[in-house]
Amino acid sequence: MVNKITLALPSTIESVFQCPNSNCISHGEPVESRFKVIQKTEKVRLKCHYCEKVFSREIITEKKY
C-alpha cells in the first residue's frame, strides 16, 4: 500500500438518481436530475434541485434509462 485515501461524498450528485417525487419537474421534462447532499454523516440526505424536497438515501433509486 502506498497511500490511504479518505473517501467523501460530493456536494452535488447529477444524472444518477431519479427524484421519488412524482410531481417533480424532472419527471416530465428533458432535464438531468440533480441532488444536493445536505448531510454527509451516517444518515445521508439528498435535496432535489428542482422540487426542493429532502429524501433519505434509502428512498432514492437509480435512474432508469
Protein backbone atom coordinates (compact mmCIF):
# COMPACT_ATOMS: atom_id res chain seq x y z
CA MET A 1 0.00 0.00 0.00
CA VAL A 2 1.31 3.41 -0.98
CA ASN A 3 -1.27 5.91 0.31
CA LYS A 4 -4.60 5.83 2.08
CA ILE A 5 -7.33 7.97 0.58
CA THR A 6 -10.27 9.25 2.59
CA LEU A 7 -13.46 8.99 0.57
CA ALA A 8 -16.16 11.63 0.81
CA LEU A 9 -19.45 12.33 -0.90
CA PRO A 10 -19.55 15.21 -3.39
CA SER A 11 -21.65 18.29 -2.62
CA THR A 12 -23.97 17.53 -5.57
CA ILE A 13 -24.93 14.37 -7.44
CA GLU A 14 -26.13 14.73 -11.03
CA SER A 15 -27.74 12.34 -13.54
CA VAL A 16 -27.52 9.27 -11.29
CA PHE A 17 -30.78 9.14 -9.33
CA GLN A 18 -34.41 9.81 -10.15
CA CYS A 19 -36.41 12.05 -7.83
CA PRO A 20 -39.02 9.98 -5.94
CA ASN A 21 -41.48 12.91 -6.02
CA SER A 22 -43.84 12.12 -8.91
CA ASN A 23 -44.79 15.82 -9.15
CA CYS A 24 -41.16 16.91 -9.66
CA ILE A 25 -40.47 18.76 -12.92
CA SER A 26 -37.58 16.37 -13.61
CA HIS A 27 -40.13 13.61 -14.42
CA GLY A 28 -41.83 15.38 -17.32
CA GLU A 29 -39.03 17.49 -18.76
CA PRO A 30 -35.78 16.56 -20.50
CA VAL A 31 -33.56 17.72 -17.63
CA GLU A 32 -30.87 15.83 -15.77
CA SER A 33 -31.63 15.07 -12.14
CA ARG A 34 -29.60 16.96 -9.57
CA PHE A 35 -29.42 16.46 -5.82
CA LYS A 36 -27.59 18.43 -3.17
CA VAL A 37 -26.02 16.30 -0.44
CA ILE A 38 -27.15 18.05 2.73
CA GLN A 39 -25.90 15.57 5.31
CA LYS A 40 -22.75 13.58 4.75
CA THR A 41 -22.66 11.66 8.01
CA GLU A 42 -24.09 8.21 8.66
CA LYS A 43 -27.61 9.21 7.55
CA VAL A 44 -27.20 10.71 4.10
CA ARG A 45 -30.00 13.04 2.98
CA LEU A 46 -30.39 14.41 -0.53
CA LYS A 47 -32.31 17.51 -1.62
CA CYS A 48 -33.75 17.66 -5.14
CA HIS A 49 -32.61 20.75 -7.05
CA TYR A 50 -36.00 21.15 -8.77
CA CYS A 51 -38.74 20.35 -6.23
CA GLU A 52 -36.51 21.06 -3.19
CA LYS A 53 -37.83 18.06 -1.26
CA VAL A 54 -35.41 16.21 1.01
CA PHE A 55 -35.13 12.43 0.86
CA SER A 56 -33.17 9.80 2.74
CA ARG A 57 -30.80 7.72 0.62
CA GLU A 58 -32.97 4.63 1.10
CA ILE A 59 -35.87 6.22 -0.81
CA ILE A 60 -33.89 7.38 -3.83
CA THR A 61 -33.25 4.79 -6.52
CA GLU A 62 -31.04 4.72 -9.57
CA LYS A 63 -32.31 6.49 -12.65
CA LYS A 64 -33.92 4.15 -15.17
CA TYR A 65 -32.96 4.80 -18.78
